[in-house]
Amino acid sequence: MILKDIEHDYEGLQNNFHIIDKDVLGQIMYELLRSTASDGCIPIIISLGDNTINRMESRGVYVLDSVNNRFIYLFGAEDHKNFFNKIDKARSEANISTSLIIGYLHESGNHRVDLNHADTLNHLLDLHGNIHGEYTLLDYTEEINFPLLNEKFKLSLLSWVIRNAGVKL
């Protein structure tokens, strides 16, 4: 899309565009999975808005199935309103205005948080040029029950995926 009218609200318009393409995100998540596999940490994708990810229309929580090269939709905002309210509260407290977050799940009994995962993600995001990452440790540990897996996981680290500001003329 090329905007020719200088009077347009570019910033407001940019907020309606996706942050990242599904294939690029898949490659980043694959690399992240390789780095987290040794400690049992599972990175999840939290999309707070529709069309945040190009070609993934629905907001919700996803995980990468690297064996079958696809994203699995775990649940949406309507399914777990409490979870999304807590994520939105953390985003507000961190004063970050992105709608794409990578969370790190670990088994309920494991209390160790590895900040290297967030650093690895930041490095992978920087390779793509127009996005970068920041992370937040949660004051509380959010426990999430996945009925299909019959297991509980904890979420205590969030990485915010932020689109870099465009070129100012």
C-alpha atoms as a PDB file:
ATOM      1  CA  MET A   1       0.000   0.000   0.000  1.00  0.00           C
ATOM      2  CA  ILE A   2       1.375   3.388  -0.984  1.00  0.00           C
ATOM      3  CA  LEU A   3      -0.067   6.456   0.711  1.00  0.00           C
ATOM      4  CA  LYS A   4       0.110   9.610  -1.360  1.00  0.00           C
ATOM      5  CA  ASP A   5      -1.786  12.088   0.804  1.00  0.00           C
ATOM      6  CA  ILE A   6       0.520  13.637   3.432  1.00  0.00           C
ATOM      7  CA  GLU A   7      -2.462  14.680   5.547  1.00  0.00           C
ATOM      8  CA  HIS A   8      -3.338  11.055   6.437  1.00  0.00           C
ATOM      9  CA  ASP A   9      -2.863   9.846   9.983  1.00  0.00           C
ATOM     10  CA  TYR A  10      -0.034   7.414   9.189  1.00  0.00           C
ATOM     11  CA  GLU A  11       0.430   6.260  12.762  1.00  0.00           C
ATOM     12  CA  GLY A  12      -3.262   5.424  13.189  1.00  0.00           C
ATOM     13  CA  LEU A  13      -3.290   3.671   9.841  1.00  0.00           C
ATOM     14  CA  GLN A  14      -0.149   1.659  10.650  1.00  0.00           C
ATOM     15  CA  ASN A  15      -1.823   0.300  13.788  1.00  0.00           C
ATOM     16  CA  ASN A  16      -4.353  -1.485  11.554  1.00  0.00           C
ATOM     17  CA  PHE A  17      -1.646  -3.419   9.665  1.00  0.00           C
ATOM     18  CA  HIS A  18      -0.318  -6.785  10.738  1.00  0.00           C
ATOM     19  CA  ILE A  19       2.889  -6.899  12.749  1.00  0.00           C
ATOM     20  CA  ILE A  20       4.424  -9.984  11.143  1.00  0.00           C
ATOM     21  CA  ASP A  21       3.722 -12.576   8.483  1.00  0.00           C
ATOM     22  CA  LYS A  22       2.668 -16.072   9.492  1.00  0.00           C
ATOM     23  CA  ASP A  23       5.639 -17.719   7.715  1.00  0.00           C
ATOM     24  CA  VAL A  24       8.189 -15.366   9.276  1.00  0.00           C
ATOM     25  CA  LEU A  25       6.662 -15.946  12.705  1.00  0.00           C
ATOM     26  CA  GLY A  26       6.740 -19.695  12.072  1.00  0.00           C
ATOM     27  CA  GLN A  27      10.464 -19.586  11.297  1.00  0.00           C
ATOM     28  CA  ILE A  28      11.164 -17.486  14.410  1.00  0.00           C
ATOM     29  CA  MET A  29       9.100 -19.831  16.597  1.00  0.00           C
ATOM     30  CA  TYR A  30      10.876 -22.868  15.143  1.00  0.00           C
ATOM     31  CA  GLU A  31      14.256 -21.377  16.062  1.00  0.00           C
ATOM     32  CA  LEU A  32      12.931 -20.451  19.499  1.00  0.00           C
ATOM     33  CA  LEU A  33      11.596 -23.987  20.046  1.00  0.00           C
ATOM     34  CA  ARG A  34      15.039 -25.384  19.252  1.00  0.00           C
ATOM     35  CA  SER A  35      16.590 -23.176  21.930  1.00  0.00           C
ATOM     36  CA  THR A  36      13.942 -23.930  24.590  1.00  0.00           C
ATOM     37  CA  ALA A  37      13.555 -27.689  24.051  1.00  0.00           C
ATOM     38  CA  SER A  38      16.217 -28.631  26.592  1.00  0.00           C
ATOM     39  CA  ASP A  39      14.410 -27.122  29.594  1.00  0.00           C
ATOM     40  CA  GLY A  40      10.833 -28.072  28.691  1.00  0.00           C
ATOM     41  CA  CYS A  41       9.733 -24.480  28.089  1.00  0.00           C
ATOM     42  CA  ILE A  42       6.993 -24.064  25.469  1.00  0.00           C
ATOM     43  CA  PRO A  43       6.728 -20.718  23.667  1.00  0.00           C
ATOM     44  CA  ILE A  44       3.162 -19.670  22.849  1.00  0.00           C
ATOM     45  CA  ILE A  45       1.853 -16.895  20.622  1.00  0.00           C
ATOM     46  CA  ILE A  46      -0.715 -14.539  22.107  1.00  0.00           C
ATOM     47  CA  SER A  47      -2.519 -12.386  19.558  1.00  0.00           C
ATOM     48  CA  LEU A  48      -4.654  -9.717  21.210  1.00  0.00           C
ATOM     49  CA  GLY A  49      -6.138  -8.416  17.976  1.00  0.00           C
ATOM     50  CA  ASP A  50      -7.598  -9.743  14.756  1.00  0.00           C
ATOM     51  CA  ASN A  51      -5.163  -9.675  11.807  1.00  0.00           C
ATOM     52  CA  THR A  52      -2.166  -9.025  14.081  1.00  0.00           C
ATOM     53  CA  ILE A  53      -0.431 -11.829  12.181  1.00  0.00           C
ATOM     54  CA  ASN A  54      -0.766 -11.774   8.391  1.00  0.00           C
ATOM     55  CA  ARG A  55      -2.880 -14.787   7.295  1.00  0.00           C
ATOM     56  CA  MET A  56      -3.938 -15.648  10.880  1.00  0.00           C
ATOM     57  CA  GLU A  57      -7.153 -13.706  11.253  1.00  0.00           C
ATOM     58  CA  SER A  58      -8.357 -14.599  14.735  1.00  0.00           C
ATOM     59  CA  ARG A  59      -7.063 -13.293  18.017  1.00  0.00           C
ATOM     60  CA  GLY A  60      -6.184 -16.034  20.429  1.00  0.00           C
ATOM     61  CA  VAL A  61      -3.388 -18.232  21.721  1.00  0.00           C
ATOM     62  CA  TYR A  62      -1.403 -20.432  19.345  1.00  0.00           C
ATOM     63  CA  VAL A  63       1.467 -22.888  19.551  1.00  0.00           C
ATOM     64  CA  LEU A  64       3.711 -24.040  16.708  1.00  0.00           C
ATOM     65  CA  ASP A  65       3.489 -27.696  15.703  1.00  0.00           C
ATOM     66  CA  SER A  66       6.988 -27.908  14.212  1.00  0.00           C
ATOM     67  CA  VAL A  67       6.550 -31.525  13.102  1.00  0.00           C
ATOM     68  CA  ASN A  68       3.582 -30.707  10.844  1.00  0.00           C
ATOM     69  CA  ASN A  69       4.653 -27.105  10.098  1.00  0.00           C
ATOM     70  CA  ARG A  70       1.449 -25.468  11.288  1.00  0.00           C
ATOM     71  CA  PHE A  71       0.060 -23.360  14.096  1.00  0.00           C
ATOM     72  CA  ILE A  72      -2.407 -24.911  16.509  1.00  0.00           C
ATOM     73  CA  TYR A  73      -5.128 -22.652  17.882  1.00  0.00           C
ATOM     74  CA  LEU A  74      -5.318 -23.365  21.634  1.00  0.00           C
ATOM     75  CA  PHE A  75      -8.008 -20.943  22.754  1.00  0.00           C
ATOM     76  CA  GLY A  76      -9.502 -17.528  22.083  1.00  0.00           C
ATOM     77  CA  ALA A  77     -10.459 -14.455  24.052  1.00  0.00           C
ATOM     78  CA  GLU A  78     -14.029 -15.645  24.487  1.00  0.00           C
ATOM     79  CA  ASP A  79     -12.862 -19.002  25.891  1.00  0.00           C
ATOM     80  CA  HIS A  80     -10.594 -17.565  28.596  1.00  0.00           C
ATOM     81  CA  LYS A  81     -11.534 -13.947  29.275  1.00  0.00           C
ATOM     82  CA  ASN A  82      -9.685 -13.951  32.604  1.00  0.00           C
ATOM     83  CA  PHE A  83      -6.408 -14.914  30.907  1.00  0.00           C
ATOM     84  CA  PHE A  84      -6.737 -12.167  28.298  1.00  0.00           C
ATOM     85  CA  ASN A  85      -7.683  -9.594  30.943  1.00  0.00           C
ATOM     86  CA  LYS A  86      -4.497 -10.410  32.885  1.00  0.00           C
ATOM     87  CA  ILE A  87      -2.373 -10.190  29.743  1.00  0.00           C
ATOM     88  CA  ASP A  88      -3.967  -6.859  28.836  1.00  0.00           C
ATOM     89  CA  LYS A  89      -3.338  -5.604  32.396  1.00  0.00           C
ATOM     90  CA  ALA A  90       0.349  -6.603  32.126  1.00  0.00           C
ATOM     91  CA  ARG A  91       0.563  -4.819  28.765  1.00  0.00           C
ATOM     92  CA  SER A  92      -0.976  -1.700  30.252  1.00  0.00           C
ATOM     93  CA  GLU A  93       1.365  -1.767  33.276  1.00  0.00           C
ATOM     94  CA  ALA A  94       4.384  -2.154  30.976  1.00  0.00           C
ATOM     95  CA  ASN A  95       3.037   0.745  28.871  1.00  0.00           C
ATOM     96  CA  ILE A  96       3.415  -1.229  25.639  1.00  0.00           C
ATOM     97  CA  SER A  97       1.022  -0.875  22.748  1.00  0.00           C
ATOM     98  CA  THR A  98       1.544  -4.069  20.790  1.00  0.00           C
ATOM     99  CA  SER A  99      -1.016  -6.782  20.193  1.00  0.00           C
ATOM    100  CA  LEU A 100       1.483  -9.614  19.659  1.00  0.00           C
ATOM    101  CA  ILE A 101       3.121 -11.377  22.588  1.00  0.00           C
ATOM    102  CA  ILE A 102       5.225 -14.495  22.965  1.00  0.00           C
ATOM    103  CA  GLY A 103       4.666 -16.192  26.307  1.00  0.00           C
ATOM    104  CA  TYR A 104       6.756 -18.955  27.801  1.00  0.00           C
ATOM    105  CA  LEU A 105       4.983 -21.896  29.433  1.00  0.00           C
ATOM    106  CA  HIS A 106       6.670 -24.271  31.812  1.00  0.00           C
ATOM    107  CA  GLU A 107       5.319 -27.203  33.765  1.00  0.00           C
ATOM    108  CA  SER A 108       3.476 -26.316  36.930  1.00  0.00           C
ATOM    109  CA  GLY A 109       6.145 -27.794  39.209  1.00  0.00           C
ATOM    110  CA  ASN A 110       9.011 -25.956  37.493  1.00  0.00           C
ATOM    111  CA  HIS A 111       9.555 -22.450  38.903  1.00  0.00           C
ATOM    112  CA  ARG A 112      12.666 -21.556  36.937  1.00  0.00           C
ATOM    113  CA  VAL A 113      12.382 -18.708  34.427  1.00  0.00           C
ATOM    114  CA  ASP A 114      15.125 -18.493  31.817  1.00  0.00           C
ATOM    115  CA  LEU A 115      15.621 -14.970  30.476  1.00  0.00           C
ATOM    116  CA  ASN A 116      17.852 -16.388  27.734  1.00  0.00           C
ATOM    117  CA  HIS A 117      14.662 -17.335  25.869  1.00  0.00           C
ATOM    118  CA  ALA A 118      13.601 -13.687  25.697  1.00  0.00           C
ATOM    119  CA  ASP A 119      17.110 -12.670  24.597  1.00  0.00           C
ATOM    120  CA  THR A 120      17.083 -15.338  21.877  1.00  0.00           C
ATOM    121  CA  LEU A 121      13.704 -14.117  20.656  1.00  0.00           C
ATOM    122  CA  ASN A 122      14.906 -10.497  20.630  1.00  0.00           C
ATOM    123  CA  HIS A 123      17.886 -11.529  18.497  1.00  0.00           C
ATOM    124  CA  LEU A 124      15.635 -13.424  16.053  1.00  0.00           C
ATOM    125  CA  LEU A 125      13.229 -10.477  15.800  1.00  0.00           C
ATOM    126  CA  ASP A 126      16.081  -8.038  15.161  1.00  0.00           C
ATOM    127  CA  LEU A 127      17.153 -10.133  12.168  1.00  0.00           C
ATOM    128  CA  HIS A 128      13.889  -9.229  10.430  1.00  0.00           C
ATOM    129  CA  GLY A 129      14.482  -5.497  10.519  1.00  0.00           C
ATOM    130  CA  ASN A 130      11.090  -3.942  11.155  1.00  0.00           C
ATOM    131  CA  ILE A 131      10.288  -5.546  14.529  1.00  0.00           C
ATOM    132  CA  HIS A 132      11.960  -5.824  17.894  1.00  0.00           C
ATOM    133  CA  GLY A 133      11.203  -7.345  21.282  1.00  0.00           C
ATOM    134  CA  GLU A 134      10.990  -6.312  24.915  1.00  0.00           C
ATOM    135  CA  TYR A 135      10.158  -8.597  27.801  1.00  0.00           C
ATOM    136  CA  THR A 136       8.372  -8.436  31.133  1.00  0.00           C
ATOM    137  CA  LEU A 137       8.562 -10.773  34.091  1.00  0.00           C
ATOM    138  CA  LEU A 138       5.122 -11.104  35.631  1.00  0.00           C
ATOM    139  CA  ASP A 139       4.750 -10.260  39.333  1.00  0.00           C
ATOM    140  CA  TYR A 140       2.501 -13.267  39.606  1.00  0.00           C
ATOM    141  CA  THR A 141       2.649 -16.610  37.860  1.00  0.00           C
ATOM    142  CA  GLU A 142      -0.389 -17.278  35.745  1.00  0.00           C
ATOM    143  CA  GLU A 143      -1.401 -20.938  35.819  1.00  0.00           C
ATOM    144  CA  ILE A 144      -3.164 -22.145  32.683  1.00  0.00           C
ATOM    145  CA  ASN A 145      -5.061 -25.397  32.453  1.00  0.00           C
ATOM    146  CA  PHE A 146      -5.119 -27.085  29.051  1.00  0.00           C
ATOM    147  CA  PRO A 147      -7.996 -29.572  29.170  1.00  0.00           C
ATOM    148  CA  LEU A 148      -6.932 -31.327  25.977  1.00  0.00           C
ATOM    149  CA  LEU A 149      -3.472 -31.970  27.414  1.00  0.00           C
ATOM    150  CA  ASN A 150      -4.835 -32.677  30.899  1.00  0.00           C
ATOM    151  CA  GLU A 151      -1.959 -30.649  32.306  1.00  0.00           C
ATOM    152  CA  LYS A 152      -1.347 -27.291  33.967  1.00  0.00           C
ATOM    153  CA  PHE A 153       1.366 -24.893  32.873  1.00  0.00           C
ATOM    154  CA  LYS A 154       2.657 -21.645  34.349  1.00  0.00           C
ATOM    155  CA  LEU A 155       3.257 -18.417  32.500  1.00  0.00           C
ATOM    156  CA  SER A 156       5.607 -15.923  34.118  1.00  0.00           C
ATOM    157  CA  LEU A 157       7.524 -14.286  31.242  1.00  0.00           C
ATOM    158  CA  LEU A 158       6.116 -12.310  28.323  1.00  0.00           C
ATOM    159  CA  SER A 159       7.995 -11.021  25.263  1.00  0.00           C
ATOM    160  CA  TRP A 160       6.316  -8.127  23.483  1.00  0.00           C
ATOM    161  CA  VAL A 161       6.761  -8.122  19.697  1.00  0.00           C
ATOM    162  CA  ILE A 162       6.793  -4.479  18.616  1.00  0.00           C
ATOM    163  CA  ARG A 163       6.825  -3.020  15.121  1.00  0.00           C
ATOM    164  CA  ASN A 164       9.544  -0.407  14.707  1.00  0.00           C
ATOM    165  CA  ALA A 165       8.490   3.112  13.830  1.00  0.00           C
ATOM    166  CA  GLY A 166       8.537   3.800  10.113  1.00  0.00           C
ATOM    167  CA  VAL A 167      10.756   6.276   8.360  1.00  0.00           C
ATOM    168  CA  LYS A 168       9.757   9.828   9.207  1.00  0.00           C
ATOM    169  CA  LEU A 169       9.901  12.341   6.369  1.00  0.00           C
END
